[in-house]
Amino acid sequence: MERKELLLANWEHTYEKEDWYPPLRDALSGLTASQASWRPAGEAANTIWEIVSHLLYYKERLLHRLLDTEFPGSANDNDDTFTPSGGPEDEEAWQTTQQRMGDVHRQIREKLASLSEEELDRPLPTAPIFQSVMSIMLHDACHTGQIIQIRKLQGSWPARRHFD
């Protein structure tokens, strides 16, 4: 299997296709804005919506780098990337956030599919594309686990799941 095939297969697992852990799309499925805004106890705890906003920031930055377009993000530091686009009762903003996640994931996949094996070695901006993409996938996997843990704490995760 070539690197590109490996990247694309694992890219699907991070968002939409079950593997060793539920994909991000499943981890977010059925959540209301209120549930996505629920904060576990602890000063350092983030809400699901804050985590999704953080993931979006870095995935959208990756997409702009892949497309060689200007990234409009304006975070001063990592903490700034956890700012959600709406409040606990703003269902429309929550749905828009989830739609953005699906859209950016699909667009990155399309761009990756169009690259040659050699292009995967191009710096983005310093690390090669394949390494940058792998890093984002690991980042998504880590935060997907956090989202599932938060859902378990709030009681919104099913006691039993069935997957193929």
Protein backbone atom coordinates (compact mmCIF):
# COMPACT_ATOMS: atom_id res chain seq x y z
CA MET A 1 0.00 0.00 0.00
CA GLU A 2 1.37 3.42 -0.94
CA ARG A 3 1.46 6.30 1.53
CA LYS A 4 -1.38 8.11 -0.20
CA GLU A 5 -3.65 5.07 0.01
CA LEU A 6 -2.74 4.68 3.68
CA LEU A 7 -3.44 8.36 4.38
CA LEU A 8 -6.80 8.24 2.59
CA ALA A 9 -7.90 5.05 4.36
CA ASN A 10 -7.03 6.46 7.76
CA TRP A 11 -8.53 9.85 6.87
CA GLU A 12 -11.88 8.06 6.47
CA HIS A 13 -11.46 6.39 9.87
CA THR A 14 -10.91 9.67 11.66
CA TYR A 15 -14.25 11.13 10.59
CA GLU A 16 -16.71 8.72 9.03
CA LYS A 17 -15.71 5.06 9.08
CA GLU A 18 -15.56 2.93 12.24
CA ASP A 19 -12.25 1.27 13.03
CA TRP A 20 -10.71 0.77 16.50
CA TYR A 21 -12.63 3.73 17.83
CA PRO A 22 -15.79 5.55 16.78
CA PRO A 23 -15.16 8.18 14.11
CA LEU A 24 -15.68 11.86 14.91
CA ARG A 25 -18.94 12.05 12.96
CA ASP A 26 -20.42 9.28 15.13
CA ALA A 27 -19.06 10.89 18.29
CA LEU A 28 -21.02 14.05 17.40
CA SER A 29 -24.13 12.36 16.08
CA GLY A 30 -27.39 13.32 17.77
CA LEU A 31 -25.90 15.97 20.05
CA THR A 32 -27.88 19.12 20.73
CA ALA A 33 -26.25 22.52 21.14
CA SER A 34 -26.98 22.27 24.85
CA GLN A 35 -25.26 18.89 25.14
CA ALA A 36 -22.32 20.13 23.05
CA SER A 37 -22.02 23.10 25.45
CA TRP A 38 -22.08 21.03 28.65
CA ARG A 39 -18.91 21.40 30.70
CA PRO A 40 -17.60 18.61 32.94
CA ALA A 41 -16.33 19.54 36.39
CA GLY A 42 -12.80 20.86 36.54
CA GLU A 43 -11.15 24.14 35.70
CA ALA A 44 -9.33 22.79 32.62
CA ALA A 45 -12.34 20.95 31.15
CA ASN A 46 -13.59 21.86 27.69
CA THR A 47 -17.03 21.43 26.20
CA ILE A 48 -17.57 19.27 23.13
CA TRP A 49 -18.31 22.39 21.11
CA GLU A 50 -15.05 23.98 22.23
CA ILE A 51 -13.16 20.84 21.20
CA VAL A 52 -14.88 20.76 17.81
CA SER A 53 -14.02 24.45 17.30
CA HIS A 54 -10.40 23.63 18.10
CA LEU A 55 -10.37 20.73 15.62
CA LEU A 56 -11.98 22.92 12.95
CA TYR A 57 -9.38 25.63 13.36
CA TYR A 58 -6.50 23.29 12.66
CA LYS A 59 -8.27 21.35 9.89
CA GLU A 60 -9.24 24.56 8.12
CA ARG A 61 -5.66 25.79 8.50
CA LEU A 62 -4.42 22.52 6.96
CA LEU A 63 -6.85 22.89 4.06
CA HIS A 64 -5.69 26.43 3.32
CA ARG A 65 -2.08 25.29 3.42
CA LEU A 66 -2.84 22.42 1.03
CA LEU A 67 -4.62 24.81 -1.34
CA ASP A 68 -1.93 27.47 -0.90
CA THR A 69 -4.56 30.05 0.05
CA GLU A 70 -4.59 32.55 2.89
CA PHE A 71 -5.98 31.19 6.15
CA PRO A 72 -8.40 33.67 7.74
CA GLY A 73 -7.92 32.26 11.27
CA SER A 74 -6.87 34.75 13.88
CA ALA A 75 -6.03 32.76 17.02
CA ASN A 76 -3.18 34.28 19.02
CA ASP A 77 -2.47 30.98 20.77
CA ASN A 78 -3.84 27.44 21.07
CA ASP A 79 -6.34 28.47 23.78
CA ASP A 80 -8.01 30.86 21.32
CA THR A 81 -8.89 27.94 19.02
CA PHE A 82 -11.40 26.56 21.55
CA THR A 83 -13.93 29.38 21.03
CA PRO A 84 -17.30 28.08 19.77
CA SER A 85 -19.35 29.99 17.22
CA GLY A 86 -22.57 30.00 19.27
CA GLY A 87 -24.16 29.57 22.65
CA PRO A 88 -25.74 26.60 24.43
CA GLU A 89 -29.18 27.15 22.89
CA ASP A 90 -28.03 28.07 19.35
CA GLU A 91 -28.97 24.91 17.44
CA GLU A 92 -28.42 26.58 14.08
CA ALA A 93 -24.83 27.55 14.95
CA TRP A 94 -24.16 24.03 16.29
CA GLN A 95 -25.51 22.45 13.09
CA THR A 96 -23.41 24.87 11.02
CA THR A 97 -20.32 23.92 13.03
CA GLN A 98 -20.92 20.23 12.34
CA GLN A 99 -21.54 20.96 8.65
CA ARG A 100 -18.25 22.89 8.45
CA MET A 101 -16.47 19.90 9.98
CA GLY A 102 -17.91 17.56 7.36
CA ASP A 103 -17.14 20.00 4.55
CA VAL A 104 -13.52 20.63 5.53
CA HIS A 105 -12.91 16.93 6.04
CA ARG A 106 -14.27 16.15 2.56
CA GLN A 107 -12.28 18.98 0.94
CA ILE A 108 -9.02 17.82 2.52
CA ARG A 109 -9.73 14.27 1.36
CA GLU A 110 -10.33 15.50 -2.20
CA LYS A 111 -7.07 17.44 -2.16
CA LEU A 112 -5.12 14.48 -0.76
CA ALA A 113 -6.59 12.21 -3.43
CA SER A 114 -5.32 14.58 -6.13
CA LEU A 115 -1.71 14.59 -4.87
CA SER A 116 1.04 12.37 -6.20
CA GLU A 117 3.28 10.32 -3.92
CA GLU A 118 6.07 12.81 -4.56
CA GLU A 119 3.89 15.78 -3.62
CA LEU A 120 3.32 14.22 -0.19
CA ASP A 121 6.93 15.17 0.59
CA ARG A 122 6.36 18.89 -0.09
CA PRO A 123 6.89 21.04 3.03
CA LEU A 124 3.66 22.39 4.55
CA PRO A 125 5.11 24.85 5.63
CA THR A 126 8.06 22.99 7.19
CA ALA A 127 6.91 19.41 7.81
CA PRO A 128 6.04 17.30 4.74
CA ILE A 129 2.38 17.07 3.76
CA PHE A 130 2.14 13.39 4.75
CA GLN A 131 3.48 14.18 8.22
CA SER A 132 1.13 17.17 8.65
CA VAL A 133 -1.86 15.03 7.67
CA MET A 134 -0.82 12.21 10.00
CA SER A 135 -0.51 14.72 12.82
CA ILE A 136 -4.03 16.05 12.20
CA MET A 137 -5.42 12.49 12.15
CA LEU A 138 -3.80 11.70 15.51
CA HIS A 139 -5.06 15.01 16.84
CA ASP A 140 -8.62 14.15 15.73
CA ALA A 141 -8.38 10.67 17.28
CA CYS A 142 -7.23 12.05 20.61
CA HIS A 143 -9.99 14.65 20.76
CA THR A 144 -12.63 12.19 19.53
CA GLY A 145 -11.82 10.10 22.60
CA GLN A 146 -12.28 13.18 24.79
CA ILE A 147 -15.64 13.91 23.17
CA ILE A 148 -16.81 10.35 23.83
CA GLN A 149 -15.64 10.58 27.43
CA ILE A 150 -17.57 13.84 27.91
CA ARG A 151 -20.66 12.22 26.40
CA LYS A 152 -20.29 9.30 28.80
CA LEU A 153 -20.01 11.71 31.74
CA GLN A 154 -23.15 13.58 30.67
CA GLY A 155 -25.06 10.36 29.94
CA SER A 156 -25.56 11.04 26.22
CA TRP A 157 -23.40 8.15 24.95
CA PRO A 158 -25.22 4.86 24.36
CA ALA A 159 -24.55 2.08 26.86
CA ARG A 160 -24.13 -0.32 23.94
CA ARG A 161 -23.10 0.51 20.39
CA HIS A 162 -23.33 -1.60 17.28
CA PHE A 163 -20.97 -1.10 14.39
CA ASP A 164 -19.85 -2.94 11.28
